[in-house]
PDB file of N, CA and C in Angstrom:
ATOM      1  N   UNK A   1      -6.214  33.136  17.449  1.00  0.00           N
ATOM      2  CA  UNK A   1      -5.470  32.162  16.688  1.00  0.00           C
ATOM      3  C   UNK A   1      -6.230  30.842  16.683  1.00  0.00           C
ATOM      4  N   UNK A   2      -6.378  30.290  15.501  1.00  0.00           N
ATOM      5  CA  UNK A   2      -7.105  29.032  15.351  1.00  0.00           C
ATOM      6  C   UNK A   2      -6.149  27.857  15.502  1.00  0.00           C
ATOM      7  N   UNK A   3      -6.561  26.877  16.293  1.00  0.00           N
ATOM      8  CA  UNK A   3      -5.750  25.676  16.479  1.00  0.00           C
ATOM      9  C   UNK A   3      -6.427  24.547  15.725  1.00  0.00           C
ATOM     10  N   UNK A   4      -5.685  23.930  14.820  1.00  0.00           N
ATOM     11  CA  UNK A   4      -6.239  22.828  14.039  1.00  0.00           C
ATOM     12  C   UNK A   4      -5.706  21.523  14.589  1.00  0.00           C
ATOM     13  N   UNK A   5      -6.613  20.614  14.904  1.00  0.00           N
ATOM     14  CA  UNK A   5      -6.194  19.318  15.422  1.00  0.00           C
ATOM     15  C   UNK A   5      -5.863  18.388  14.272  1.00  0.00           C
ATOM     16  N   UNK A   6      -4.812  17.600  14.453  1.00  0.00           N
ATOM     17  CA  UNK A   6      -4.383  16.644  13.442  1.00  0.00           C
ATOM     18  C   UNK A   6      -4.623  15.228  13.941  1.00  0.00           C
ATOM     19  N   UNK A   7      -4.991  14.375  13.013  1.00  0.00           N
ATOM     20  CA  UNK A   7      -5.085  12.963  13.357  1.00  0.00           C
ATOM     21  C   UNK A   7      -3.659  12.438  13.504  1.00  0.00           C
ATOM     22  N   UNK A   8      -3.430  11.446  14.366  1.00  0.00           N
ATOM     23  CA  UNK A   8      -2.072  10.920  14.553  1.00  0.00           C
ATOM     24  C   UNK A   8      -1.442  10.418  13.257  1.00  0.00           C
ATOM     25  N   UNK A   9      -2.226   9.843  12.347  1.00  0.00           N
ATOM     26  CA  UNK A   9      -1.648   9.313  11.115  1.00  0.00           C
ATOM     27  C   UNK A   9      -1.298  10.410  10.115  1.00  0.00           C
ATOM     28  N   UNK A  10      -1.710  11.657  10.375  1.00  0.00           N
ATOM     29  CA  UNK A  10      -1.356  12.762   9.494  1.00  0.00           C
ATOM     30  C   UNK A  10      -0.005  13.370   9.845  1.00  0.00           C
ATOM     31  N   UNK A  11       0.609  12.916  10.940  1.00  0.00           N
ATOM     32  CA  UNK A  11       1.855  13.507  11.410  1.00  0.00           C
ATOM     33  C   UNK A  11       2.940  13.472  10.345  1.00  0.00           C
ATOM     34  N   UNK A  12       2.994  12.433   9.563  1.00  0.00           N
ATOM     35  CA  UNK A  12       4.010  12.314   8.536  1.00  0.00           C
ATOM     36  C   UNK A  12       3.424  12.421   7.138  1.00  0.00           C
ATOM     37  N   UNK A  13       2.225  12.963   7.013  1.00  0.00           N
ATOM     38  CA  UNK A  13       1.608  13.156   5.718  1.00  0.00           C
ATOM     39  C   UNK A  13       0.892  11.931   5.173  1.00  0.00           C
ATOM     40  N   UNK A  14       0.584  10.963   6.028  1.00  0.00           N
ATOM     41  CA  UNK A  14      -0.115   9.760   5.579  1.00  0.00           C
ATOM     42  C   UNK A  14      -1.488  10.119   5.028  1.00  0.00           C
ATOM     43  N   UNK A  15      -1.877   9.490   3.928  1.00  0.00           N
ATOM     44  CA  UNK A  15      -3.205   9.676   3.366  1.00  0.00           C
ATOM     45  C   UNK A  15      -3.859   8.313   3.185  1.00  0.00           C
ATOM     46  N   UNK A  16      -5.166   8.321   3.111  1.00  0.00           N
ATOM     47  CA  UNK A  16      -5.925   7.080   2.937  1.00  0.00           C
ATOM     48  C   UNK A  16      -5.805   6.579   1.494  1.00  0.00           C
ATOM     49  N   UNK A  17      -5.901   5.264   1.332  1.00  0.00           N
ATOM     50  CA  UNK A  17      -5.920   4.665  -0.004  1.00  0.00           C
ATOM     51  C   UNK A  17      -6.734   3.386   0.079  1.00  0.00           C
ATOM     52  N   UNK A  18      -7.548   3.142  -0.920  1.00  0.00           N
ATOM     53  CA  UNK A  18      -8.439   1.980  -0.946  1.00  0.00           C
ATOM     54  C   UNK A  18      -7.685   0.657  -0.837  1.00  0.00           C
ATOM     55  N   UNK A  19      -6.477   0.575  -1.384  1.00  0.00           N
ATOM     56  CA  UNK A  19      -5.723  -0.681  -1.425  1.00  0.00           C
ATOM     57  C   UNK A  19      -4.652  -0.793  -0.344  1.00  0.00           C
ATOM     58  N   UNK A  20      -4.697   0.056   0.665  1.00  0.00           N
ATOM     59  CA  UNK A  20      -3.697   0.043   1.729  1.00  0.00           C
ATOM     60  C   UNK A  20      -3.618  -1.333   2.389  1.00  0.00           C
ATOM     61  N   UNK A  21      -2.413  -1.863   2.545  1.00  0.00           N
ATOM     62  CA  UNK A  21      -2.098  -3.161   3.159  1.00  0.00           C
ATOM     63  C   UNK A  21      -2.602  -4.347   2.336  1.00  0.00           C
ATOM     64  N   UNK A  22      -2.810  -4.131   1.041  1.00  0.00           N
ATOM     65  CA  UNK A  22      -3.225  -5.206   0.143  1.00  0.00           C
ATOM     66  C   UNK A  22      -2.157  -5.415  -0.926  1.00  0.00           C
ATOM     67  N   UNK A  23      -2.220  -6.559  -1.584  1.00  0.00           N
ATOM     68  CA  UNK A  23      -1.302  -6.877  -2.671  1.00  0.00           C
ATOM     69  C   UNK A  23      -1.668  -6.025  -3.884  1.00  0.00           C
ATOM     70  N   UNK A  24      -0.683  -5.268  -4.402  1.00  0.00           N
ATOM     71  CA  UNK A  24      -0.930  -4.383  -5.536  1.00  0.00           C
ATOM     72  C   UNK A  24       0.116  -4.616  -6.628  1.00  0.00           C
ATOM     73  N   UNK A  25      -0.190  -4.074  -7.793  1.00  0.00           N
ATOM     74  CA  UNK A  25       0.718  -4.149  -8.941  1.00  0.00           C
ATOM     75  C   UNK A  25       0.865  -2.755  -9.515  1.00  0.00           C
ATOM     76  N   UNK A  26       2.113  -2.391  -9.833  1.00  0.00           N
ATOM     77  CA  UNK A  26       2.376  -1.119 -10.497  1.00  0.00           C
ATOM     78  C   UNK A  26       2.447  -1.412 -11.991  1.00  0.00           C
ATOM     79  N   UNK A  27       1.436  -1.021 -12.766  1.00  0.00           N
ATOM     80  CA  UNK A  27       1.417  -1.346 -14.191  1.00  0.00           C
ATOM     81  C   UNK A  27       2.562  -0.709 -14.974  1.00  0.00           C
ATOM     82  N   UNK A  28       3.115   0.373 -14.485  1.00  0.00           N
ATOM     83  CA  UNK A  28       4.216   1.034 -15.170  1.00  0.00           C
ATOM     84  C   UNK A  28       5.495   0.216 -15.184  1.00  0.00           C
ATOM     85  N   UNK A  29       5.729  -0.535 -14.104  1.00  0.00           N
ATOM     86  CA  UNK A  29       6.957  -1.331 -13.987  1.00  0.00           C
ATOM     87  C   UNK A  29       6.683  -2.827 -13.957  1.00  0.00           C
ATOM     88  N   UNK A  30       5.432  -3.198 -13.673  1.00  0.00           N
ATOM     89  CA  UNK A  30       5.094  -4.614 -13.553  1.00  0.00           C
ATOM     90  C   UNK A  30       5.446  -5.212 -12.200  1.00  0.00           C
ATOM     91  N   UNK A  31       5.966  -4.401 -11.300  1.00  0.00           N
ATOM     92  CA  UNK A  31       6.348  -4.902  -9.967  1.00  0.00           C
ATOM     93  C   UNK A  31       5.118  -5.067  -9.091  1.00  0.00           C
ATOM     94  N   UNK A  32       5.203  -6.038  -8.182  1.00  0.00           N
ATOM     95  CA  UNK A  32       4.108  -6.304  -7.254  1.00  0.00           C
ATOM     96  C   UNK A  32       4.605  -6.270  -5.823  1.00  0.00           C
ATOM     97  N   UNK A  33       3.678  -6.010  -4.899  1.00  0.00           N
ATOM     98  CA  UNK A  33       4.004  -6.004  -3.482  1.00  0.00           C
ATOM     99  C   UNK A  33       2.811  -5.544  -2.676  1.00  0.00           C
ATOM    100  N   UNK A  34       3.052  -5.312  -1.388  1.00  0.00           N
ATOM    101  CA  UNK A  34       2.001  -4.873  -0.466  1.00  0.00           C
ATOM    102  C   UNK A  34       2.111  -3.366  -0.298  1.00  0.00           C
ATOM    103  N   UNK A  35       0.999  -2.665  -0.489  1.00  0.00           N
ATOM    104  CA  UNK A  35       0.973  -1.213  -0.315  1.00  0.00           C
ATOM    105  C   UNK A  35       1.075  -0.898   1.173  1.00  0.00           C
ATOM    106  N   UNK A  36       2.199  -0.313   1.569  1.00  0.00           N
ATOM    107  CA  UNK A  36       2.462  -0.045   2.977  1.00  0.00           C
ATOM    108  C   UNK A  36       1.965   1.331   3.424  1.00  0.00           C
ATOM    109  N   UNK A  37       2.097   2.326   2.547  1.00  0.00           N
ATOM    110  CA  UNK A  37       1.698   3.689   2.918  1.00  0.00           C
ATOM    111  C   UNK A  37       1.576   4.553   1.676  1.00  0.00           C
ATOM    112  N   UNK A  38       0.768   5.592   1.805  1.00  0.00           N
ATOM    113  CA  UNK A  38       0.701   6.642   0.790  1.00  0.00           C
ATOM    114  C   UNK A  38       0.925   7.948   1.544  1.00  0.00           C
ATOM    115  N   UNK A  39       1.962   8.684   1.138  1.00  0.00           N
ATOM    116  CA  UNK A  39       2.331   9.913   1.828  1.00  0.00           C
ATOM    117  C   UNK A  39       2.152  11.129   0.936  1.00  0.00           C
ATOM    118  N   UNK A  40       1.753  12.212   1.537  1.00  0.00           N
ATOM    119  CA  UNK A  40       1.691  13.514   0.866  1.00  0.00           C
ATOM    120  C   UNK A  40       3.000  14.202   1.212  1.00  0.00           C
ATOM    121  N   UNK A  41       3.832  14.449   0.194  1.00  0.00           N
ATOM    122  CA  UNK A  41       5.178  14.961   0.428  1.00  0.00           C
ATOM    123  C   UNK A  41       5.393  16.311  -0.245  1.00  0.00           C
ATOM    124  N   UNK A  42       6.109  17.180   0.440  1.00  0.00           N
ATOM    125  CA  UNK A  42       6.453  18.496  -0.072  1.00  0.00           C
ATOM    126  C   UNK A  42       7.550  18.339  -1.124  1.00  0.00           C
ATOM    127  N   UNK A  43       7.357  18.955  -2.304  1.00  0.00           N
ATOM    128  CA  UNK A  43       8.366  18.847  -3.357  1.00  0.00           C
ATOM    129  C   UNK A  43       8.981  20.190  -3.736  1.00  0.00           C
ATOM    130  N   UNK A  44       8.422  21.288  -3.275  1.00  0.00           N
ATOM    131  CA  UNK A  44       9.004  22.587  -3.595  1.00  0.00           C
ATOM    132  C   UNK A  44       7.988  23.700  -3.545  1.00  0.00           C
ATOM    133  N   UNK A  45       8.409  24.844  -4.069  1.00  0.00           N
ATOM    134  CA  UNK A  45       7.557  26.015  -4.096  1.00  0.00           C
ATOM    135  C   UNK A  45       7.486  26.540  -5.523  1.00  0.00           C
ATOM    136  N   UNK A  46       6.298  26.867  -5.966  1.00  0.00           N
ATOM    137  CA  UNK A  46       6.104  27.419  -7.309  1.00  0.00           C
ATOM    138  C   UNK A  46       5.145  28.594  -7.206  1.00  0.00           C
ATOM    139  N   UNK A  47       5.540  29.731  -7.737  1.00  0.00           N
ATOM    140  CA  UNK A  47       4.720  30.939  -7.709  1.00  0.00           C
ATOM    141  C   UNK A  47       4.275  31.285  -6.287  1.00  0.00           C
ATOM    142  N   UNK A  48       5.170  31.059  -5.317  1.00  0.00           N
ATOM    143  CA  UNK A  48       4.876  31.403  -3.933  1.00  0.00           C
ATOM    144  C   UNK A  48       3.987  30.423  -3.201  1.00  0.00           C
ATOM    145  N   UNK A  49       3.653  29.307  -3.840  1.00  0.00           N
ATOM    146  CA  UNK A  49       2.788  28.300  -3.201  1.00  0.00           C
ATOM    147  C   UNK A  49       3.551  27.005  -3.020  1.00  0.00           C
ATOM    148  N   UNK A  50       3.272  26.308  -1.929  1.00  0.00           N
ATOM    149  CA  UNK A  50       3.900  25.012  -1.694  1.00  0.00           C
ATOM    150  C   UNK A  50       3.294  23.967  -2.621  1.00  0.00           C
ATOM    151  N   UNK A  51       4.131  23.107  -3.167  1.00  0.00           N
ATOM    152  CA  UNK A  51       3.687  22.053  -4.064  1.00  0.00           C
ATOM    153  C   UNK A  51       3.925  20.706  -3.382  1.00  0.00           C
ATOM    154  N   UNK A  52       2.897  19.866  -3.385  1.00  0.00           N
ATOM    155  CA  UNK A  52       2.980  18.534  -2.775  1.00  0.00           C
ATOM    156  C   UNK A  52       2.660  17.468  -3.814  1.00  0.00           C
ATOM    157  N   UNK A  53       3.108  16.266  -3.545  1.00  0.00           N
ATOM    158  CA  UNK A  53       2.775  15.124  -4.381  1.00  0.00           C
ATOM    159  C   UNK A  53       2.416  13.957  -3.474  1.00  0.00           C
ATOM    160  N   UNK A  54       1.695  12.996  -4.009  1.00  0.00           N
ATOM    161  CA  UNK A  54       1.381  11.773  -3.255  1.00  0.00           C
ATOM    162  C   UNK A  54       2.256  10.656  -3.792  1.00  0.00           C
ATOM    163  N   UNK A  55       2.899   9.917  -2.881  1.00  0.00           N
ATOM    164  CA  UNK A  55       3.789   8.827  -3.249  1.00  0.00           C
ATOM    165  C   UNK A  55       3.367   7.566  -2.510  1.00  0.00           C
ATOM    166  N   UNK A  56       3.250   6.469  -3.259  1.00  0.00           N
ATOM    167  CA  UNK A  56       2.908   5.175  -2.658  1.00  0.00           C
ATOM    168  C   UNK A  56       4.188   4.411  -2.372  1.00  0.00           C
ATOM    169  N   UNK A  57       4.253   3.795  -1.211  1.00  0.00           N
ATOM    170  CA  UNK A  57       5.385   2.952  -0.828  1.00  0.00           C
ATOM    171  C   UNK A  57       4.899   1.507  -0.799  1.00  0.00           C
ATOM    172  N   UNK A  58       5.513   0.689  -1.653  1.00  0.00           N
ATOM    173  CA  UNK A  58       5.097  -0.698  -1.828  1.00  0.00           C
ATOM    174  C   UNK A  58       6.253  -1.607  -1.423  1.00  0.00           C
ATOM    175  N   UNK A  59       5.995  -2.610  -0.577  1.00  0.00           N
ATOM    176  CA  UNK A  59       7.022  -3.567  -0.168  1.00  0.00           C
ATOM    177  C   UNK A  59       6.915  -4.804  -1.043  1.00  0.00           C
ATOM    178  N   UNK A  60       7.977  -5.057  -1.810  1.00  0.00           N
ATOM    179  CA  UNK A  60       8.020  -6.208  -2.697  1.00  0.00           C
ATOM    180  C   UNK A  60       8.262  -7.503  -1.952  1.00  0.00           C
ATOM    181  N   UNK A  61       8.167  -8.622  -2.666  1.00  0.00           N
ATOM    182  CA  UNK A  61       8.362  -9.946  -2.068  1.00  0.00           C
ATOM    183  C   UNK A  61       9.778 -10.112  -1.513  1.00  0.00           C
ATOM    184  N   UNK A  62      10.747  -9.363  -2.066  1.00  0.00           N
ATOM    185  CA  UNK A  62      12.125  -9.432  -1.596  1.00  0.00           C
ATOM    186  C   UNK A  62      12.358  -8.624  -0.324  1.00  0.00           C
ATOM    187  N   UNK A  63      11.309  -7.949   0.173  1.00  0.00           N
ATOM    188  CA  UNK A  63      11.406  -7.164   1.396  1.00  0.00           C
ATOM    189  C   UNK A  63      11.831  -5.725   1.170  1.00  0.00           C
ATOM    190  N   UNK A  64      12.227  -5.389  -0.047  1.00  0.00           N
ATOM    191  CA  UNK A  64      12.629  -4.023  -0.360  1.00  0.00           C
ATOM    192  C   UNK A  64      11.419  -3.217  -0.813  1.00  0.00           C
ATOM    193  N   UNK A  65      11.377  -1.955  -0.388  1.00  0.00           N
ATOM    194  CA  UNK A  65      10.266  -1.094  -0.782  1.00  0.00           C
ATOM    195  C   UNK A  65      10.622  -0.297  -2.021  1.00  0.00           C
ATOM    196  N   UNK A  66       9.608  -0.041  -2.837  1.00  0.00           N
ATOM    197  CA  UNK A  66       9.765   0.825  -3.989  1.00  0.00           C
ATOM    198  C   UNK A  66       8.610   1.807  -3.997  1.00  0.00           C
ATOM    199  N   UNK A  67       8.777   2.889  -4.738  1.00  0.00           N
ATOM    200  CA  UNK A  67       7.734   3.906  -4.798  1.00  0.00           C
ATOM    201  C   UNK A  67       6.997   3.819  -6.126  1.00  0.00           C
ATOM    202  N   UNK A  68       5.768   4.306  -6.105  1.00  0.00           N
ATOM    203  CA  UNK A  68       4.930   4.307  -7.306  1.00  0.00           C
ATOM    204  C   UNK A  68       3.905   5.423  -7.167  1.00  0.00           C
ATOM    205  N   UNK A  69       3.265   5.739  -8.277  1.00  0.00           N
ATOM    206  CA  UNK A  69       2.171   6.711  -8.253  1.00  0.00           C
ATOM    207  C   UNK A  69       0.934   6.003  -7.697  1.00  0.00           C
ATOM    208  N   UNK A  70       0.352   6.493  -6.606  1.00  0.00           N
ATOM    209  CA  UNK A  70      -0.756   5.790  -5.979  1.00  0.00           C
ATOM    210  C   UNK A  70      -2.007   5.670  -6.850  1.00  0.00           C
ATOM    211  N   UNK A  71      -2.210   6.615  -7.754  1.00  0.00           N
ATOM    212  CA  UNK A  71      -3.422   6.585  -8.588  1.00  0.00           C
ATOM    213  C   UNK A  71      -3.367   5.537  -9.691  1.00  0.00           C
ATOM    214  N   UNK A  72      -2.178   4.987  -9.965  1.00  0.00           N
ATOM    215  CA  UNK A  72      -2.061   3.986 -11.030  1.00  0.00           C
ATOM    216  C   UNK A  72      -2.023   2.568 -10.502  1.00  0.00           C
ATOM    217  N   UNK A  73      -1.927   2.377  -9.201  1.00  0.00           N
ATOM    218  CA  UNK A  73      -1.834   1.020  -8.638  1.00  0.00           C
ATOM    219  C   UNK A  73      -3.127   0.257  -8.861  1.00  0.00           C
ATOM    220  N   UNK A  74      -2.976  -1.037  -9.076  1.00  0.00           N
ATOM    221  CA  UNK A  74      -4.149  -1.900  -9.232  1.00  0.00           C
ATOM    222  C   UNK A  74      -3.991  -3.128  -8.351  1.00  0.00           C
ATOM    223  N   UNK A  75      -5.110  -3.726  -8.002  1.00  0.00           N
ATOM    224  CA  UNK A  75      -5.100  -4.916  -7.173  1.00  0.00           C
ATOM    225  C   UNK A  75      -4.421  -6.053  -7.928  1.00  0.00           C
ATOM    226  N   UNK A  76      -3.526  -6.770  -7.237  1.00  0.00           N
ATOM    227  CA  UNK A  76      -2.798  -7.869  -7.881  1.00  0.00           C
ATOM    228  C   UNK A  76      -3.556  -9.175  -7.711  1.00  0.00           C
TER     229      UNK A  76
END
């Protein structure tokens, strides 16, 4: 049996992003905030395979977080 080691930040599906902890803008909504995390999340099963998506969590100036597509974020 093969044992695969995980990095501690992978425990909750965290992935790297170039703009992590920087001020970003979501062009789809025009909202701005600090990119707090990008997670790889399970969304279901299709044709017997697990399907995942990447979701960016951005904290706005009001302190509330919103989600966005990580590939569309741009530096604010």
